[in-house]
C-alpha cells in the first residue's frame, strides 16, 4: 500500500508536468486550430486534482516507519513552548491535512485549477480555488520541483481553510514542507472584533 501510494503520486506528477509543458508549447507556437487543441489539453488536465491525501499519508507513514523524532512548537500571544510529541499525537495533528483532500469526486468539481511554471527556481505550482464560500478549503497550492532525471517531487503544499462556528470566524493557513515540517496558523475572530492567533509547528528528523 505504501509503495502503491508513492507510485500513484509520482505518476500523477509526471502527467501533470507533461500536460503543463505541452499546453504551453501548443499555446505559443500554434495556429488557431492548434490553440483549440491546447485549450482541450488544459481542460482535460483540470479534470484531475492532485491527490494531496495520498501525499500526506505517505509522509505520515514515513515518519512512523522510520521512527523519526517529532517536536511541536506552539506560539500563543507571544509565548512559545517546545515539546517532544508521540507518533500518535503527530498523526492526530497531521490528520487535518489529510482531511483537506479535495481530489475525491464529491468535492473536486467545485475547484478550478490554474498552473504556473517558474523556470528560475525551477518549479511548477498547481493552484486550486473555488468561488463557493461554503467550502471549508478555499485555496490549495501544490508546489512541484521537476527533475529531468529522477522523479518529480512535491516541495510543499499550502492550504487556506475557512470555518465558522456560531459567531466565530476561523481562518487556518496550513503549510507542509515535504520531509521536514508542517505548521498551522489559526486566526479566530468574533463579531466584537477581537482576534486570537495560534501557531503550531511540528517538525521531524531534526529539521526546523
C-alpha atoms as a PDB file:
ATOM      1  CA  UNK A   1       0.000   0.000   0.000  1.00  0.00           C
ATOM      2  CA  UNK A   2       2.853   2.354   0.872  1.00  0.00           C
ATOM      3  CA  UNK A   3       4.668   1.734  -2.431  1.00  0.00           C
ATOM      4  CA  UNK A   4       1.413   1.936  -4.377  1.00  0.00           C
ATOM      5  CA  UNK A   5       0.674   5.373  -2.929  1.00  0.00           C
ATOM      6  CA  UNK A   6       4.170   6.637  -3.798  1.00  0.00           C
ATOM      7  CA  UNK A   7       3.898   5.233  -7.330  1.00  0.00           C
ATOM      8  CA  UNK A   8       0.488   6.870  -7.878  1.00  0.00           C
ATOM      9  CA  UNK A   9       1.781  10.258  -6.717  1.00  0.00           C
ATOM     10  CA  UNK A  10       4.849  10.011  -8.974  1.00  0.00           C
ATOM     11  CA  UNK A  11       2.729   9.106 -11.997  1.00  0.00           C
ATOM     12  CA  UNK A  12       0.356  11.990 -11.274  1.00  0.00           C
ATOM     13  CA  UNK A  13       3.265  14.410 -11.048  1.00  0.00           C
ATOM     14  CA  UNK A  14       4.674  13.209 -14.359  1.00  0.00           C
ATOM     15  CA  UNK A  15       1.317  13.501 -16.111  1.00  0.00           C
ATOM     16  CA  UNK A  16       0.562  16.963 -14.794  1.00  0.00           C
ATOM     17  CA  UNK A  17       4.007  18.382 -15.525  1.00  0.00           C
ATOM     18  CA  UNK A  18       3.926  16.932 -19.054  1.00  0.00           C
ATOM     19  CA  UNK A  19       0.486  18.415 -19.689  1.00  0.00           C
ATOM     20  CA  UNK A  20       1.580  21.836 -18.417  1.00  0.00           C
ATOM     21  CA  UNK A  21       4.563  21.840 -20.773  1.00  0.00           C
ATOM     22  CA  UNK A  22       2.534  20.508 -23.691  1.00  0.00           C
ATOM     23  CA  UNK A  23      -0.144  23.125 -23.129  1.00  0.00           C
ATOM     24  CA  UNK A  24       2.437  25.930 -23.055  1.00  0.00           C
ATOM     25  CA  UNK A  25       4.187  24.763 -26.223  1.00  0.00           C
ATOM     26  CA  UNK A  26       0.936  24.453 -28.133  1.00  0.00           C
ATOM     27  CA  UNK A  27      -0.277  27.847 -26.993  1.00  0.00           C
ATOM     28  CA  UNK A  28       2.836  29.781 -28.014  1.00  0.00           C
ATOM     29  CA  UNK A  29       3.727  28.037 -31.271  1.00  0.00           C
ATOM     30  CA  UNK A  30       0.440  27.047 -32.929  1.00  0.00           C
ATOM     31  CA  UNK A  31      -2.248  28.487 -35.170  1.00  0.00           C
ATOM     32  CA  UNK A  32      -5.892  28.917 -34.106  1.00  0.00           C
ATOM     33  CA  UNK A  33      -6.787  25.263 -34.679  1.00  0.00           C
ATOM     34  CA  UNK A  34      -3.869  24.098 -32.583  1.00  0.00           C
ATOM     35  CA  UNK A  35      -4.741  26.642 -29.884  1.00  0.00           C
ATOM     36  CA  UNK A  36      -8.108  24.928 -29.601  1.00  0.00           C
ATOM     37  CA  UNK A  37      -6.227  21.671 -29.089  1.00  0.00           C
ATOM     38  CA  UNK A  38      -4.157  23.351 -26.362  1.00  0.00           C
ATOM     39  CA  UNK A  39      -7.353  24.526 -24.663  1.00  0.00           C
ATOM     40  CA  UNK A  40      -8.676  20.968 -24.749  1.00  0.00           C
ATOM     41  CA  UNK A  41      -5.458  19.683 -23.138  1.00  0.00           C
ATOM     42  CA  UNK A  42      -5.800  22.259 -20.350  1.00  0.00           C
ATOM     43  CA  UNK A  43      -9.442  21.267 -19.850  1.00  0.00           C
ATOM     44  CA  UNK A  44      -8.541  17.576 -19.590  1.00  0.00           C
ATOM     45  CA  UNK A  45      -5.739  18.388 -17.163  1.00  0.00           C
ATOM     46  CA  UNK A  46      -8.083  20.339 -14.905  1.00  0.00           C
ATOM     47  CA  UNK A  47     -10.403  17.369 -14.579  1.00  0.00           C
ATOM     48  CA  UNK A  48      -7.711  15.700 -12.469  1.00  0.00           C
ATOM     49  CA  UNK A  49      -6.985  17.019  -8.996  1.00  0.00           C
ATOM     50  CA  UNK A  50      -3.658  16.326  -7.362  1.00  0.00           C
ATOM     51  CA  UNK A  51      -4.107  13.575  -4.701  1.00  0.00           C
ATOM     52  CA  UNK A  52      -2.904  15.535  -1.672  1.00  0.00           C
ATOM     53  CA  UNK A  53      -4.426  12.985   0.693  1.00  0.00           C
ATOM     54  CA  UNK A  54      -2.158  10.255  -0.642  1.00  0.00           C
ATOM     55  CA  UNK A  55       0.848  12.554  -0.404  1.00  0.00           C
ATOM     56  CA  UNK A  56       0.169  13.406   3.247  1.00  0.00           C
ATOM     57  CA  UNK A  57      -0.435   9.759   4.166  1.00  0.00           C
ATOM     58  CA  UNK A  58       2.867   8.753   2.557  1.00  0.00           C
ATOM     59  CA  UNK A  59       4.666  11.478   4.540  1.00  0.00           C
ATOM     60  CA  UNK A  60       2.987  10.405   7.801  1.00  0.00           C
ATOM     61  CA  UNK A  61       3.784   6.739   7.211  1.00  0.00           C
ATOM     62  CA  UNK A  62       7.409   7.620   6.503  1.00  0.00           C
ATOM     63  CA  UNK A  63       7.755   9.377   9.870  1.00  0.00           C
ATOM     64  CA  UNK A  64       6.053   6.436  11.572  1.00  0.00           C
ATOM     65  CA  UNK A  65       8.061   3.688   9.852  1.00  0.00           C
ATOM     66  CA  UNK A  66      11.432   5.406  10.397  1.00  0.00           C
ATOM     67  CA  UNK A  67      10.548   6.311  13.999  1.00  0.00           C
ATOM     68  CA  UNK A  68      11.633   9.896  13.431  1.00  0.00           C
ATOM     69  CA  UNK A  69      11.600  12.181  16.491  1.00  0.00           C
ATOM     70  CA  UNK A  70       8.746  14.699  16.340  1.00  0.00           C
ATOM     71  CA  UNK A  71       8.731  18.094  18.034  1.00  0.00           C
ATOM     72  CA  UNK A  72       5.817  20.502  18.450  1.00  0.00           C
ATOM     73  CA  UNK A  73       6.354  24.247  18.804  1.00  0.00           C
ATOM     74  CA  UNK A  74       3.316  26.253  19.937  1.00  0.00           C
ATOM     75  CA  UNK A  75       3.115  30.067  19.886  1.00  0.00           C
ATOM     76  CA  UNK A  76       0.225  31.914  21.556  1.00  0.00           C
ATOM     77  CA  UNK A  77       0.215  35.672  22.238  1.00  0.00           C
ATOM     78  CA  UNK A  78       3.980  35.920  22.012  1.00  0.00           C
ATOM     79  CA  UNK A  79       4.664  32.944  24.247  1.00  0.00           C
ATOM     80  CA  UNK A  80       6.353  29.899  22.731  1.00  0.00           C
ATOM     81  CA  UNK A  81       6.651  26.378  24.081  1.00  0.00           C
ATOM     82  CA  UNK A  82       8.503  23.391  22.647  1.00  0.00           C
ATOM     83  CA  UNK A  83       7.845  19.742  23.433  1.00  0.00           C
ATOM     84  CA  UNK A  84       8.529  16.285  22.050  1.00  0.00           C
ATOM     85  CA  UNK A  85       5.336  14.516  20.993  1.00  0.00           C
ATOM     86  CA  UNK A  86       4.370  10.908  20.390  1.00  0.00           C
ATOM     87  CA  UNK A  87       3.688   9.450  16.942  1.00  0.00           C
ATOM     88  CA  UNK A  88       0.028   9.189  17.983  1.00  0.00           C
ATOM     89  CA  UNK A  89      -0.207  12.941  18.591  1.00  0.00           C
ATOM     90  CA  UNK A  90       1.766  13.579  15.403  1.00  0.00           C
ATOM     91  CA  UNK A  91      -0.777  11.561  13.415  1.00  0.00           C
ATOM     92  CA  UNK A  92      -3.666  13.361  15.101  1.00  0.00           C
ATOM     93  CA  UNK A  93      -2.290  16.797  14.245  1.00  0.00           C
ATOM     94  CA  UNK A  94      -1.382  15.740  10.681  1.00  0.00           C
ATOM     95  CA  UNK A  95      -4.858  14.310  10.058  1.00  0.00           C
ATOM     96  CA  UNK A  96      -6.214  17.797   9.412  1.00  0.00           C
ATOM     97  CA  UNK A  97      -4.037  17.929   6.294  1.00  0.00           C
ATOM     98  CA  UNK A  98      -5.258  14.515   5.144  1.00  0.00           C
ATOM     99  CA  UNK A  99      -8.859  15.661   5.579  1.00  0.00           C
ATOM    100  CA  UNK A 100      -8.155  18.661   3.318  1.00  0.00           C
ATOM    101  CA  UNK A 101      -8.009  16.342   0.295  1.00  0.00           C
ATOM    102  CA  UNK A 102     -10.156  17.852  -2.487  1.00  0.00           C
ATOM    103  CA  UNK A 103      -9.406  15.173  -5.094  1.00  0.00           C
ATOM    104  CA  UNK A 104     -12.410  12.966  -4.356  1.00  0.00           C
ATOM    105  CA  UNK A 105     -15.419  13.073  -6.659  1.00  0.00           C
ATOM    106  CA  UNK A 106     -17.745  14.577  -4.063  1.00  0.00           C
ATOM    107  CA  UNK A 107     -15.963  17.956  -3.978  1.00  0.00           C
ATOM    108  CA  UNK A 108     -13.367  18.192  -6.761  1.00  0.00           C
ATOM    109  CA  UNK A 109     -15.783  19.708  -9.306  1.00  0.00           C
ATOM    110  CA  UNK A 110     -16.115  22.789  -7.093  1.00  0.00           C
ATOM    111  CA  UNK A 111     -12.466  23.684  -7.676  1.00  0.00           C
ATOM    112  CA  UNK A 112     -10.697  25.221 -10.633  1.00  0.00           C
ATOM    113  CA  UNK A 113      -7.035  24.500 -11.299  1.00  0.00           C
ATOM    114  CA  UNK A 114      -4.534  27.027 -12.591  1.00  0.00           C
ATOM    115  CA  UNK A 115      -0.844  26.341 -13.096  1.00  0.00           C
ATOM    116  CA  UNK A 116       2.311  28.404 -13.170  1.00  0.00           C
ATOM    117  CA  UNK A 117       5.789  27.289 -14.214  1.00  0.00           C
ATOM    118  CA  UNK A 118       8.693  29.268 -12.733  1.00  0.00           C
ATOM    119  CA  UNK A 119      11.846  28.416 -14.666  1.00  0.00           C
ATOM    120  CA  UNK A 120      14.069  30.491 -12.376  1.00  0.00           C
ATOM    121  CA  UNK A 121      13.708  28.068  -9.428  1.00  0.00           C
ATOM    122  CA  UNK A 122      12.558  25.818 -11.283  1.00  0.00           C
ATOM    123  CA  UNK A 123       9.126  24.824 -10.018  1.00  0.00           C
ATOM    124  CA  UNK A 124       5.546  24.228 -11.091  1.00  0.00           C
ATOM    125  CA  UNK A 125       2.687  25.489  -8.906  1.00  0.00           C
ATOM    126  CA  UNK A 126      -0.783  23.958  -9.160  1.00  0.00           C
ATOM    127  CA  UNK A 127      -3.385  26.216  -7.532  1.00  0.00           C
ATOM    128  CA  UNK A 128      -6.910  25.048  -6.724  1.00  0.00           C
ATOM    129  CA  UNK A 129      -9.546  27.629  -5.781  1.00  0.00           C
ATOM    130  CA  UNK A 130     -13.319  27.821  -5.543  1.00  0.00           C
ATOM    131  CA  UNK A 131     -15.908  30.618  -5.798  1.00  0.00           C
ATOM    132  CA  UNK A 132     -18.106  28.687  -3.337  1.00  0.00           C
ATOM    133  CA  UNK A 133     -17.669  30.399   0.031  1.00  0.00           C
ATOM    134  CA  UNK A 134     -19.417  27.491   1.793  1.00  0.00           C
ATOM    135  CA  UNK A 135     -16.439  25.209   1.118  1.00  0.00           C
ATOM    136  CA  UNK A 136     -14.012  24.973   4.025  1.00  0.00           C
ATOM    137  CA  UNK A 137     -10.998  24.607   1.737  1.00  0.00           C
ATOM    138  CA  UNK A 138     -10.840  27.857  -0.209  1.00  0.00           C
ATOM    139  CA  UNK A 139      -7.368  27.514  -1.716  1.00  0.00           C
ATOM    140  CA  UNK A 140      -4.757  24.816  -2.115  1.00  0.00           C
ATOM    141  CA  UNK A 141      -1.315  25.238  -3.721  1.00  0.00           C
ATOM    142  CA  UNK A 142       0.900  22.296  -4.663  1.00  0.00           C
ATOM    143  CA  UNK A 143       4.484  23.286  -5.464  1.00  0.00           C
ATOM    144  CA  UNK A 144       6.324  20.693  -7.534  1.00  0.00           C
ATOM    145  CA  UNK A 145      10.048  20.559  -8.155  1.00  0.00           C
ATOM    146  CA  UNK A 146      10.566  18.986 -11.610  1.00  0.00           C
ATOM    147  CA  UNK A 147      13.563  16.743 -12.220  1.00  0.00           C
ATOM    148  CA  UNK A 148      14.543  15.703 -15.769  1.00  0.00           C
ATOM    149  CA  UNK A 149      16.463  12.672 -14.465  1.00  0.00           C
ATOM    150  CA  UNK A 150      14.676  11.406 -11.355  1.00  0.00           C
ATOM    151  CA  UNK A 151      11.007  11.568 -10.379  1.00  0.00           C
ATOM    152  CA  UNK A 152       9.421  14.987  -9.890  1.00  0.00           C
ATOM    153  CA  UNK A 153       8.898  15.785  -6.210  1.00  0.00           C
ATOM    154  CA  UNK A 154       6.368  17.745  -4.183  1.00  0.00           C
ATOM    155  CA  UNK A 155       8.252  20.562  -2.489  1.00  0.00           C
ATOM    156  CA  UNK A 156       5.432  21.970  -0.360  1.00  0.00           C
ATOM    157  CA  UNK A 157       1.666  22.324  -0.059  1.00  0.00           C
ATOM    158  CA  UNK A 158      -0.208  25.393   1.192  1.00  0.00           C
ATOM    159  CA  UNK A 159      -3.877  25.319   2.243  1.00  0.00           C
ATOM    160  CA  UNK A 160      -6.326  28.035   3.282  1.00  0.00           C
ATOM    161  CA  UNK A 161      -9.246  26.743   5.317  1.00  0.00           C
ATOM    162  CA  UNK A 162     -12.253  28.809   6.441  1.00  0.00           C
ATOM    163  CA  UNK A 163     -14.508  27.576   9.240  1.00  0.00           C
ATOM    164  CA  UNK A 164     -17.434  29.264  11.008  1.00  0.00           C
ATOM    165  CA  UNK A 165     -18.527  28.100  14.469  1.00  0.00           C
ATOM    166  CA  UNK A 166     -21.612  30.011  15.625  1.00  0.00           C
ATOM    167  CA  UNK A 167     -20.410  33.631  15.870  1.00  0.00           C
ATOM    168  CA  UNK A 168     -16.704  32.837  15.474  1.00  0.00           C
ATOM    169  CA  UNK A 169     -14.893  33.028  12.132  1.00  0.00           C
ATOM    170  CA  UNK A 170     -11.791  30.834  11.862  1.00  0.00           C
ATOM    171  CA  UNK A 171      -9.096  31.118   9.208  1.00  0.00           C
ATOM    172  CA  UNK A 172      -6.412  28.446   9.071  1.00  0.00           C
ATOM    173  CA  UNK A 173      -3.269  28.811   6.993  1.00  0.00           C
ATOM    174  CA  UNK A 174      -1.722  25.368   6.692  1.00  0.00           C
ATOM    175  CA  UNK A 175       1.716  24.676   5.250  1.00  0.00           C
ATOM    176  CA  UNK A 176       3.506  21.361   4.729  1.00  0.00           C
ATOM    177  CA  UNK A 177       7.172  21.306   3.739  1.00  0.00           C
ATOM    178  CA  UNK A 178       7.970  17.866   2.351  1.00  0.00           C
ATOM    179  CA  UNK A 179      10.106  15.638   4.588  1.00  0.00           C
ATOM    180  CA  UNK A 180      10.678  18.422   7.137  1.00  0.00           C
ATOM    181  CA  UNK A 181       7.717  20.020   8.924  1.00  0.00           C
ATOM    182  CA  UNK A 182       4.166  21.274   8.850  1.00  0.00           C
ATOM    183  CA  UNK A 183       2.542  24.227  10.538  1.00  0.00           C
ATOM    184  CA  UNK A 184      -0.932  25.628  11.108  1.00  0.00           C
ATOM    185  CA  UNK A 185      -1.622  29.293  11.851  1.00  0.00           C
ATOM    186  CA  UNK A 186      -5.124  29.680  13.260  1.00  0.00           C
ATOM    187  CA  UNK A 187      -6.797  33.081  13.392  1.00  0.00           C
ATOM    188  CA  UNK A 188     -10.120  33.359  15.287  1.00  0.00           C
ATOM    189  CA  UNK A 189     -12.414  36.394  15.087  1.00  0.00           C
ATOM    190  CA  UNK A 190     -15.660  37.149  16.893  1.00  0.00           C
ATOM    191  CA  UNK A 191     -18.188  39.873  15.983  1.00  0.00           C
ATOM    192  CA  UNK A 192     -16.766  42.245  18.609  1.00  0.00           C
ATOM    193  CA  UNK A 193     -13.597  42.349  16.547  1.00  0.00           C
ATOM    194  CA  UNK A 194     -11.312  40.549  18.958  1.00  0.00           C
ATOM    195  CA  UNK A 195      -8.806  38.246  17.285  1.00  0.00           C
ATOM    196  CA  UNK A 196      -6.610  35.480  18.628  1.00  0.00           C
ATOM    197  CA  UNK A 197      -3.786  33.863  16.680  1.00  0.00           C
ATOM    198  CA  UNK A 198      -2.213  30.497  17.445  1.00  0.00           C
ATOM    199  CA  UNK A 199       0.678  28.917  15.578  1.00  0.00           C
ATOM    200  CA  UNK A 200       1.532  25.233  15.845  1.00  0.00           C
ATOM    201  CA  UNK A 201       4.567  23.847  14.057  1.00  0.00           C
ATOM    202  CA  UNK A 202       5.565  20.199  14.015  1.00  0.00           C
ATOM    203  CA  UNK A 203       8.976  19.146  12.752  1.00  0.00           C
ATOM    204  CA  UNK A 204      10.775  15.828  12.467  1.00  0.00           C
ATOM    205  CA  UNK A 205      14.156  14.353  11.634  1.00  0.00           C
ATOM    206  CA  UNK A 206      15.912  17.240  13.347  1.00  0.00           C
ATOM    207  CA  UNK A 207      14.560  19.764  10.831  1.00  0.00           C
ATOM    208  CA  UNK A 208      13.224  23.203  11.865  1.00  0.00           C
END
